N, C-alpha and C. Protein backbone atom coordinates (compact mmCIF):
# COMPACT_ATOMS: atom_id res chain seq x y z
N MET A 1 66.55 25.71 -34.44
CA MET A 1 66.50 26.62 -34.69
C MET A 1 65.56 26.66 -32.89
N SER A 2 65.69 27.79 -32.05
CA SER A 2 64.71 28.13 -31.03
C SER A 2 63.70 28.39 -31.27
N GLU A 3 62.39 27.90 -30.52
CA GLU A 3 61.12 28.59 -30.59
C GLU A 3 61.36 29.58 -30.49
N PHE A 4 61.61 30.69 -29.87
CA PHE A 4 61.66 32.25 -29.94
C PHE A 4 62.04 32.80 -31.68
N VAL A 5 62.75 32.30 -31.78
CA VAL A 5 62.96 32.63 -33.35
C VAL A 5 62.36 32.02 -34.20
N GLU A 6 61.41 30.83 -34.22
CA GLU A 6 60.49 30.10 -34.88
C GLU A 6 59.18 31.04 -34.68
N ARG A 7 58.59 31.76 -33.87
CA ARG A 7 57.81 32.49 -33.26
C ARG A 7 58.13 33.92 -34.48
N CYS A 8 58.85 34.54 -34.01
CA CYS A 8 59.64 35.56 -34.78
C CYS A 8 58.96 35.45 -36.34
N ARG A 9 59.88 34.38 -36.45
CA ARG A 9 59.28 34.05 -38.22
C ARG A 9 58.08 34.12 -38.63
N ARG A 10 57.49 32.88 -37.51
CA ARG A 10 56.03 33.02 -37.90
C ARG A 10 54.92 34.41 -37.96
N GLU A 11 55.83 35.05 -37.02
CA GLU A 11 54.93 36.86 -36.58
C GLU A 11 55.61 37.52 -38.34
N TRP A 12 56.52 37.54 -38.70
CA TRP A 12 57.09 38.24 -39.39
C TRP A 12 56.44 37.91 -40.68
N ARG A 13 56.05 36.64 -40.85
CA ARG A 13 54.91 35.91 -42.08
C ARG A 13 53.46 36.20 -41.97
N ARG A 14 53.23 36.28 -40.65
CA ARG A 14 51.99 37.23 -40.76
C ARG A 14 51.93 38.80 -41.22
N LEU A 15 53.24 39.28 -40.33
CA LEU A 15 53.03 40.73 -41.19
C LEU A 15 53.48 40.75 -42.15
N GLY A 16 53.88 40.01 -43.55
CA GLY A 16 54.00 40.14 -44.81
C GLY A 16 55.41 40.72 -45.26
N VAL A 17 56.35 39.83 -44.13
CA VAL A 17 57.90 40.41 -44.12
C VAL A 17 58.06 39.46 -45.30
N PRO A 18 58.65 39.74 -46.19
CA PRO A 18 59.28 38.93 -47.68
C PRO A 18 60.34 37.98 -46.66
N ASP A 19 59.89 36.88 -47.30
CA ASP A 19 60.45 35.63 -47.07
C ASP A 19 62.07 35.89 -46.75
N PRO A 20 63.09 36.28 -47.70
CA PRO A 20 64.58 36.37 -47.71
C PRO A 20 64.61 37.21 -46.58
N ILE A 21 64.26 38.68 -46.29
CA ILE A 21 64.04 39.06 -45.22
C ILE A 21 63.94 38.56 -44.23
N ALA A 22 62.82 37.87 -44.26
CA ALA A 22 62.45 37.34 -42.67
C ALA A 22 63.56 36.03 -42.46
N ASP A 23 64.12 35.29 -43.29
CA ASP A 23 65.33 34.67 -43.64
C ASP A 23 66.85 35.05 -42.88
N GLU A 24 66.97 36.09 -43.17
CA GLU A 24 67.95 36.86 -42.75
C GLU A 24 67.65 37.22 -41.41
N MET A 25 66.57 38.17 -41.26
CA MET A 25 66.46 38.59 -39.46
C MET A 25 66.67 37.41 -38.43
N ALA A 26 66.12 35.84 -39.04
CA ALA A 26 65.72 34.52 -38.05
C ALA A 26 67.29 34.63 -37.75
N ALA A 27 68.15 34.36 -38.89
CA ALA A 27 69.62 33.67 -39.28
C ALA A 27 70.28 34.97 -37.86
N ASP A 28 70.39 36.30 -38.07
CA ASP A 28 70.58 37.28 -37.61
C ASP A 28 70.50 37.04 -35.72
N LEU A 29 69.14 36.82 -35.71
CA LEU A 29 68.90 36.75 -34.24
C LEU A 29 69.46 35.26 -33.66
N ALA A 30 69.40 34.44 -34.19
CA ALA A 30 70.05 32.79 -33.80
C ALA A 30 71.18 32.78 -33.33
N SER A 31 71.96 33.92 -34.43
CA SER A 31 73.60 34.22 -34.12
C SER A 31 73.14 34.75 -32.89
N ASP A 32 72.74 35.85 -32.82
CA ASP A 32 73.30 36.59 -31.50
C ASP A 32 72.51 36.02 -30.24
N LEU A 33 71.44 34.70 -30.34
CA LEU A 33 70.77 34.39 -29.30
C LEU A 33 72.15 33.19 -28.69
N ARG A 34 72.67 32.67 -30.08
CA ARG A 34 73.68 31.88 -29.91
C ARG A 34 74.92 32.22 -29.22
N GLU A 35 75.33 33.57 -29.71
CA GLU A 35 76.95 33.91 -29.09
C GLU A 35 76.65 34.79 -27.61
N ALA A 36 75.11 35.08 -27.49
CA ALA A 36 75.06 35.57 -25.89
C ALA A 36 74.82 34.18 -24.77
N GLU A 37 74.09 33.02 -25.17
CA GLU A 37 74.39 32.28 -24.48
C GLU A 37 75.89 31.51 -23.96
N ALA A 38 76.94 31.56 -25.15
CA ALA A 38 78.52 31.38 -25.61
C ALA A 38 78.91 32.23 -24.16
N ASP A 39 78.50 33.29 -24.25
CA ASP A 39 79.24 34.42 -23.19
C ASP A 39 78.72 34.54 -22.09
N GLY A 40 77.51 33.27 -21.86
CA GLY A 40 76.98 33.56 -20.36
C GLY A 40 75.71 34.98 -20.21
N VAL A 41 75.55 35.55 -21.06
CA VAL A 41 74.27 35.89 -21.85
C VAL A 41 72.92 35.46 -21.37
N SER A 42 72.12 36.30 -20.85
CA SER A 42 70.65 35.21 -20.87
C SER A 42 69.99 36.05 -22.01
N ALA A 43 68.91 35.91 -22.34
CA ALA A 43 68.25 35.89 -23.61
C ALA A 43 67.52 37.45 -23.48
N GLU A 44 66.67 37.17 -22.31
CA GLU A 44 66.65 38.36 -20.88
C GLU A 44 67.33 40.11 -21.40
N GLU A 45 68.90 39.28 -21.21
CA GLU A 45 69.83 40.46 -20.58
C GLU A 45 69.91 41.01 -22.42
N LEU A 46 69.42 40.29 -23.27
CA LEU A 46 70.36 40.34 -24.30
C LEU A 46 68.62 41.10 -25.14
N LEU A 47 67.66 40.54 -25.29
CA LEU A 47 66.34 41.30 -25.50
C LEU A 47 65.78 42.17 -24.94
N GLY A 48 65.97 41.81 -23.87
CA GLY A 48 64.98 42.81 -22.88
C GLY A 48 63.82 42.19 -22.40
N SER A 49 62.44 42.65 -22.69
CA SER A 49 61.21 42.31 -21.96
C SER A 49 60.58 41.67 -23.22
N GLY A 50 61.35 42.12 -24.64
CA GLY A 50 60.80 41.18 -25.87
C GLY A 50 61.24 39.55 -25.36
N ALA A 51 61.87 39.30 -24.94
CA ALA A 51 62.58 37.76 -24.66
C ALA A 51 61.20 36.84 -24.28
N PHE A 52 60.17 37.90 -23.91
CA PHE A 52 58.65 37.31 -22.81
C PHE A 52 58.14 37.18 -24.34
N ASP A 53 58.24 38.20 -25.10
CA ASP A 53 56.69 38.18 -26.05
C ASP A 53 57.44 38.12 -27.51
N PRO A 54 57.76 37.27 -27.84
CA PRO A 54 58.28 36.79 -29.40
C PRO A 54 57.26 37.69 -30.43
N ALA A 55 56.51 37.63 -30.60
CA ALA A 55 55.40 38.12 -31.48
C ALA A 55 55.51 40.06 -31.82
N SER A 56 55.45 40.67 -30.08
CA SER A 56 56.12 42.08 -30.07
C SER A 56 57.60 42.42 -30.44
N PHE A 57 58.32 41.66 -30.41
CA PHE A 57 59.76 42.18 -30.18
C PHE A 57 59.84 41.78 -31.78
N ALA A 58 59.30 40.55 -32.56
CA ALA A 58 59.66 40.53 -34.33
C ALA A 58 58.62 42.04 -34.54
N ALA A 59 57.39 42.11 -34.29
CA ALA A 59 57.07 43.23 -35.06
C ALA A 59 58.03 44.62 -34.70
N ALA A 60 57.97 44.84 -33.55
CA ALA A 60 58.90 45.99 -33.63
C ALA A 60 60.03 46.10 -34.16
N TRP A 61 61.33 45.00 -34.35
CA TRP A 61 62.11 45.08 -35.39
C TRP A 61 61.75 45.16 -36.54
N ALA A 62 60.60 44.38 -37.24
CA ALA A 62 60.43 44.45 -38.56
C ALA A 62 59.99 46.03 -38.78
N SER A 63 59.15 46.69 -37.48
CA SER A 63 58.81 48.18 -37.69
C SER A 63 60.04 48.73 -37.76
N GLU A 64 61.17 49.05 -37.13
CA GLU A 64 62.23 49.35 -36.80
C GLU A 64 63.33 49.29 -38.34
N ARG A 65 63.00 48.57 -39.00
CA ARG A 65 63.75 48.00 -40.17
C ARG A 65 63.09 48.79 -41.25
N GLY A 66 61.73 49.51 -41.13
CA GLY A 66 60.62 49.51 -41.98
C GLY A 66 60.42 48.93 -43.29
N LEU A 67 59.77 47.71 -42.70
CA LEU A 67 59.74 46.94 -43.07
C LEU A 67 57.82 46.49 -43.50
N VAL A 68 57.52 47.36 -41.90
CA VAL A 68 56.06 47.01 -41.57
C VAL A 68 55.45 48.69 -41.07
N ALA A 69 54.02 49.08 -41.22
CA ALA A 69 54.11 50.29 -40.52
C ALA A 69 54.24 49.88 -38.62
N ARG A 70 54.39 51.35 -38.44
CA ARG A 70 54.47 51.20 -36.91
C ARG A 70 53.32 50.87 -35.92
N PRO A 71 53.17 50.03 -35.10
CA PRO A 71 51.67 49.68 -34.86
C PRO A 71 51.63 50.83 -33.85
N PRO A 72 50.10 51.16 -34.03
CA PRO A 72 49.13 52.15 -32.94
C PRO A 72 49.75 52.18 -31.90
N SER A 73 49.82 53.18 -31.58
CA SER A 73 49.78 53.79 -29.83
C SER A 73 48.80 52.66 -28.99
N ASP A 74 49.03 52.42 -27.77
CA ASP A 74 47.49 52.19 -26.87
C ASP A 74 46.52 53.09 -27.25
N GLY A 75 46.98 54.18 -27.14
CA GLY A 75 45.99 54.98 -26.91
C GLY A 75 44.78 54.83 -28.43
N ALA A 76 45.28 55.24 -29.24
CA ALA A 76 45.06 54.82 -30.59
C ALA A 76 44.00 53.53 -30.72
N ARG A 77 44.76 52.89 -30.22
CA ARG A 77 44.11 51.30 -29.97
C ARG A 77 42.27 51.40 -29.48
N ARG A 78 42.56 52.14 -28.42
CA ARG A 78 41.59 52.57 -27.51
C ARG A 78 40.39 53.26 -28.34
N ARG A 79 41.04 54.14 -29.15
CA ARG A 79 39.96 55.32 -29.78
C ARG A 79 39.17 54.76 -30.99
N LYS A 80 39.99 53.65 -31.44
CA LYS A 80 39.36 53.27 -32.50
C LYS A 80 38.16 52.69 -32.27
N PRO A 81 38.06 51.58 -31.61
CA PRO A 81 36.51 50.97 -30.90
C PRO A 81 35.84 51.90 -30.53
N LEU A 82 36.35 52.87 -30.01
CA LEU A 82 35.41 53.73 -29.20
C LEU A 82 34.54 54.20 -30.55
N SER A 83 35.06 54.77 -31.47
CA SER A 83 34.65 55.16 -33.05
C SER A 83 33.73 54.53 -33.70
N LEU A 84 34.36 53.17 -33.67
CA LEU A 84 33.20 51.99 -34.59
C LEU A 84 32.00 52.15 -34.03
N VAL A 85 32.25 52.03 -32.39
CA VAL A 85 30.91 51.51 -31.66
C VAL A 85 29.94 52.60 -32.16
N ALA A 86 30.80 54.06 -32.01
CA ALA A 86 29.50 55.10 -32.20
C ALA A 86 28.90 55.12 -33.81
N PHE A 87 29.72 54.94 -34.55
CA PHE A 87 29.59 54.88 -36.03
C PHE A 87 28.23 53.47 -36.10
N THR A 88 28.96 52.46 -35.44
CA THR A 88 27.98 51.42 -35.70
C THR A 88 26.53 51.40 -34.85
N ALA A 89 26.48 51.80 -33.66
CA ALA A 89 25.50 52.46 -33.08
C ALA A 89 24.22 53.16 -33.97
N THR A 90 24.99 54.25 -34.57
CA THR A 90 24.50 55.36 -35.06
C THR A 90 23.53 54.53 -36.43
N SER A 91 24.39 54.10 -37.25
CA SER A 91 24.29 53.38 -38.26
C SER A 91 23.00 51.99 -38.05
N ALA A 92 22.61 51.52 -36.99
CA ALA A 92 21.62 50.50 -36.63
C ALA A 92 20.62 51.96 -36.03
N ILE A 93 20.82 52.41 -35.38
CA ILE A 93 19.67 53.86 -34.83
C ILE A 93 18.70 54.27 -36.05
N ALA A 94 19.44 54.52 -37.39
CA ALA A 94 18.99 55.07 -38.69
C ALA A 94 18.30 53.71 -39.26
N LEU A 95 18.96 52.55 -39.25
CA LEU A 95 17.84 51.58 -40.24
C LEU A 95 17.20 51.05 -38.77
N LEU A 96 16.81 51.08 -37.91
CA LEU A 96 15.71 50.61 -37.03
C LEU A 96 14.53 52.16 -37.38
N VAL A 97 14.99 53.75 -37.05
CA VAL A 97 13.89 54.75 -37.62
C VAL A 97 13.49 54.78 -38.83
N ALA A 98 14.40 54.49 -39.95
CA ALA A 98 13.89 54.11 -41.00
C ALA A 98 12.83 53.15 -41.49
N GLY A 99 12.91 51.96 -41.09
CA GLY A 99 12.16 51.07 -40.70
C GLY A 99 11.05 51.17 -40.06
N VAL A 100 10.42 52.10 -39.14
CA VAL A 100 9.60 52.17 -38.07
C VAL A 100 8.57 53.30 -39.01
N LEU A 101 9.29 53.85 -39.54
CA LEU A 101 9.10 54.94 -40.36
C LEU A 101 7.88 54.85 -41.61
N LEU A 102 9.11 53.65 -42.55
CA LEU A 102 7.68 53.03 -43.42
C LEU A 102 7.14 52.21 -42.51
N LEU A 103 6.95 51.34 -42.22
CA LEU A 103 5.72 50.46 -41.34
C LEU A 103 4.67 51.30 -40.86
N THR A 104 4.96 52.46 -40.35
CA THR A 104 3.71 52.77 -39.74
C THR A 104 3.04 53.94 -40.86
N GLY A 105 4.18 54.43 -42.25
CA GLY A 105 3.61 55.00 -43.24
C GLY A 105 3.54 56.81 -42.23
N GLU A 106 4.13 56.90 -41.26
CA GLU A 106 3.87 58.36 -40.74
C GLU A 106 5.18 59.44 -41.76
N PRO A 107 4.86 60.60 -41.92
CA PRO A 107 3.31 61.31 -41.97
C PRO A 107 2.46 60.95 -43.31
N LYS A 108 1.88 60.85 -42.90
CA LYS A 108 0.38 60.95 -44.32
C LYS A 108 0.23 61.98 -44.43
N LEU A 109 -0.36 62.03 -45.91
CA LEU A 109 -0.69 63.04 -46.79
C LEU A 109 -2.22 62.63 -47.70
N THR A 110 -3.06 63.72 -47.49
CA THR A 110 -4.18 63.52 -47.92
C THR A 110 -4.56 64.51 -48.83
N LEU A 111 -4.90 64.12 -50.09
CA LEU A 111 -5.14 64.85 -51.67
C LEU A 111 -6.73 65.07 -51.31
N ARG A 112 -7.63 66.21 -51.68
CA ARG A 112 -8.44 66.27 -51.74
C ARG A 112 -8.44 66.97 -52.89
N ALA A 113 -9.51 66.47 -53.62
CA ALA A 113 -9.54 67.19 -55.14
C ALA A 113 -11.50 67.46 -55.09
N ARG A 114 -11.44 68.71 -55.32
CA ARG A 114 -13.17 69.14 -56.05
C ARG A 114 -13.38 69.21 -57.32
N VAL A 115 -14.12 68.71 -57.62
CA VAL A 115 -14.64 68.70 -59.09
C VAL A 115 -15.78 69.81 -59.27
N SER A 116 -15.52 70.67 -59.92
CA SER A 116 -16.75 71.94 -60.41
C SER A 116 -17.59 71.11 -60.86
N ARG A 117 -18.52 72.00 -61.16
CA ARG A 117 -19.51 71.35 -61.87
C ARG A 117 -19.31 71.77 -63.50
N PRO A 118 -19.22 71.49 -64.74
CA PRO A 118 -19.39 72.47 -65.97
C PRO A 118 -20.57 73.04 -65.90
N PRO A 119 -20.45 74.32 -66.97
CA PRO A 119 -21.54 74.80 -67.09
C PRO A 119 -22.41 74.02 -67.57
N GLY A 120 -23.19 73.66 -67.68
CA GLY A 120 -24.61 73.31 -68.29
C GLY A 120 -24.86 71.89 -67.98
N LEU A 121 -24.23 71.11 -66.99
CA LEU A 121 -24.54 69.87 -66.56
C LEU A 121 -25.08 70.03 -65.39
N VAL A 122 -26.45 68.89 -65.52
CA VAL A 122 -27.19 68.91 -64.18
C VAL A 122 -27.38 67.52 -64.06
N GLY A 123 -27.49 67.65 -62.49
CA GLY A 123 -27.84 66.26 -61.79
C GLY A 123 -26.08 65.99 -61.30
N PRO A 124 -26.06 64.78 -60.68
CA PRO A 124 -25.23 64.40 -59.48
C PRO A 124 -23.59 64.35 -60.57
N LEU A 125 -22.50 64.86 -60.25
CA LEU A 125 -21.51 64.20 -60.88
C LEU A 125 -20.87 63.08 -60.83
N PRO A 126 -20.68 62.40 -61.93
CA PRO A 126 -19.85 60.88 -61.96
C PRO A 126 -18.85 60.63 -60.78
N GLY A 127 -19.22 59.72 -60.06
CA GLY A 127 -17.83 59.12 -58.96
C GLY A 127 -17.84 60.34 -58.09
N GLY A 128 -18.91 61.36 -57.84
CA GLY A 128 -18.64 62.19 -56.41
C GLY A 128 -18.42 63.41 -56.73
N ALA A 129 -18.47 64.35 -55.45
CA ALA A 129 -18.23 65.20 -55.91
C ALA A 129 -16.56 65.86 -55.39
N ALA A 130 -16.03 64.76 -55.02
CA ALA A 130 -14.41 65.09 -54.43
C ALA A 130 -13.98 64.02 -54.51
N HIS A 131 -12.75 64.04 -54.78
CA HIS A 131 -11.63 62.88 -54.86
C HIS A 131 -10.62 63.36 -53.82
N VAL A 132 -10.83 62.06 -53.22
CA VAL A 132 -9.75 61.83 -51.82
C VAL A 132 -8.56 60.76 -52.38
N HIS A 133 -7.53 61.02 -51.25
CA HIS A 133 -6.50 60.11 -52.02
C HIS A 133 -5.44 60.53 -51.14
N SER A 134 -5.36 59.08 -49.84
CA SER A 134 -4.28 59.37 -48.87
C SER A 134 -2.61 58.53 -49.19
N THR A 135 -1.71 58.93 -48.82
CA THR A 135 -0.26 58.29 -48.87
C THR A 135 0.37 58.69 -47.94
N SER A 136 1.78 57.86 -47.91
CA SER A 136 2.63 58.43 -46.90
C SER A 136 3.90 59.87 -47.95
N ALA A 137 4.00 60.48 -47.45
CA ALA A 137 4.50 62.17 -48.06
C ALA A 137 5.79 61.51 -48.39
N SER A 138 6.39 60.94 -47.46
CA SER A 138 7.93 60.76 -47.41
C SER A 138 8.24 59.41 -47.48
N ALA A 139 7.60 58.81 -48.36
CA ALA A 139 7.69 57.32 -48.42
C ALA A 139 9.27 57.31 -49.34
N PRO A 140 9.30 58.15 -50.39
CA PRO A 140 10.51 57.74 -51.30
C PRO A 140 11.65 58.12 -50.43
N VAL A 141 11.72 59.16 -49.29
CA VAL A 141 12.88 60.22 -48.30
C VAL A 141 13.18 58.39 -47.58
N GLU A 142 11.67 57.83 -47.01
CA GLU A 142 12.04 57.11 -46.03
C GLU A 142 13.45 55.96 -46.81
N TRP A 143 12.73 55.37 -47.98
CA TRP A 143 13.51 54.12 -48.67
C TRP A 143 15.23 54.53 -48.84
N ILE A 144 15.27 55.66 -49.03
CA ILE A 144 16.67 56.36 -49.32
C ILE A 144 17.88 55.93 -47.95
N PHE A 145 16.57 56.54 -46.81
CA PHE A 145 17.47 56.23 -45.08
C PHE A 145 17.61 55.23 -45.34
N LEU A 146 16.55 54.42 -45.52
CA LEU A 146 16.55 52.76 -45.00
C LEU A 146 18.29 52.29 -45.92
N VAL A 147 17.91 52.70 -46.96
CA VAL A 147 19.33 51.79 -48.13
C VAL A 147 20.78 52.81 -47.71
N LEU A 148 20.35 53.78 -47.38
CA LEU A 148 22.08 54.13 -46.68
C LEU A 148 22.02 53.95 -45.59
N ALA A 149 21.66 53.62 -44.32
CA ALA A 149 21.65 52.62 -42.92
C ALA A 149 22.08 51.84 -43.34
N ILE A 150 21.38 50.75 -44.19
CA ILE A 150 22.14 49.36 -44.69
C ILE A 150 23.37 49.20 -44.95
N VAL A 151 23.73 50.43 -46.07
CA VAL A 151 25.25 50.60 -46.74
C VAL A 151 26.16 50.97 -45.40
N ALA A 152 25.60 51.61 -44.35
CA ALA A 152 26.25 52.44 -43.33
C ALA A 152 26.87 51.27 -42.73
N LEU A 153 25.95 50.14 -42.15
CA LEU A 153 25.62 48.70 -41.44
C LEU A 153 26.97 48.21 -41.78
N GLY A 154 26.57 47.40 -43.53
CA GLY A 154 27.36 47.17 -44.10
C GLY A 154 29.14 47.37 -43.89
N PHE A 155 29.12 48.73 -43.85
CA PHE A 155 30.53 49.26 -43.88
C PHE A 155 31.00 49.28 -42.63
N ALA A 156 30.45 49.46 -41.40
CA ALA A 156 30.58 49.61 -40.10
C ALA A 156 31.31 47.90 -39.92
N ALA A 157 30.76 47.20 -40.70
CA ALA A 157 30.88 45.26 -40.17
C ALA A 157 32.09 45.73 -40.90
N ARG A 158 32.43 45.76 -42.10
CA ARG A 158 33.79 45.95 -42.98
C ARG A 158 34.73 46.03 -41.86
N LEU A 159 34.58 47.55 -41.30
CA LEU A 159 35.61 48.07 -40.35
C LEU A 159 36.03 47.36 -39.25
N TRP A 160 34.93 46.80 -38.54
CA TRP A 160 35.15 45.50 -37.26
C TRP A 160 35.94 44.73 -37.73
N ALA A 161 35.78 44.08 -39.20
CA ALA A 161 36.37 42.93 -39.50
C ALA A 161 37.70 43.02 -39.74
N GLY A 162 38.08 44.63 -40.28
CA GLY A 162 39.74 45.05 -40.43
C GLY A 162 40.14 45.26 -39.47
N TRP A 163 39.51 46.23 -38.36
CA TRP A 163 40.45 46.77 -37.33
C TRP A 163 40.47 44.96 -36.20
N ARG A 164 39.54 43.87 -36.41
CA ARG A 164 39.96 43.11 -35.30
C ARG A 164 41.30 42.13 -35.91
N ARG A 165 41.19 42.00 -37.36
CA ARG A 165 42.48 41.38 -37.86
C ARG A 165 43.83 42.12 -37.65
N SER A 166 44.07 43.67 -37.69
CA SER A 166 44.93 44.06 -37.36
C SER A 166 45.31 44.54 -35.89
N GLN A 167 44.94 44.18 -35.12
CA GLN A 167 45.15 44.01 -33.84
C GLN A 167 46.37 42.69 -33.62
N PRO A 168 47.35 42.73 -32.71
CA PRO A 168 48.18 41.68 -32.43
C PRO A 168 47.75 40.80 -31.78
N PRO A 169 48.41 39.78 -32.05
CA PRO A 169 48.18 38.56 -31.28
C PRO A 169 47.80 38.62 -29.64
N ALA A 170 47.36 37.80 -29.09
CA ALA A 170 47.51 37.74 -27.72
C ALA A 170 48.40 37.07 -27.27
N ALA A 171 49.60 37.35 -25.73
CA ALA A 171 50.14 36.68 -25.33
C ALA A 171 49.69 35.15 -24.78
N PRO A 172 50.49 34.21 -25.05
CA PRO A 172 49.90 32.24 -24.80
C PRO A 172 50.15 33.02 -23.23
N ALA A 173 49.25 32.36 -22.73
CA ALA A 173 49.39 32.40 -21.14
C ALA A 173 50.00 31.77 -20.57
């Protein structure tokens, strides 16, 4: 079997085309190539530009037969990474902001409680006249923000991994 047909078969396997159908398509392709060669027709004339890129030829054929989803257009391929970059950058910035807010403890909240002297009590109050308690007013919100930012970054990583796997293979040099 020709190298071209074998590379098409590998691409069909990568795309998830069932083996019996891939075998049938490979046999048809090999037969067409043999007939064209016997008639003096080159593979380029028979297959067009697909003769130089077996992976693209195989993907297009499988797509035309309805065996795999159509590959995205070049415009869609360019837009997806830009949206992933924006989502990833926003998630990273949210993570940094949440971390800085938690580390600095801003904004601070100070609670002062004045204790009034009960009637009939003479002398100093036990523990002083006022109780002061300082804490971060937004710590629960900051922790929630931090967890959401981490989840968003994990989701972005999963999207990047899925997007890279869905890219068509690079043409050999």
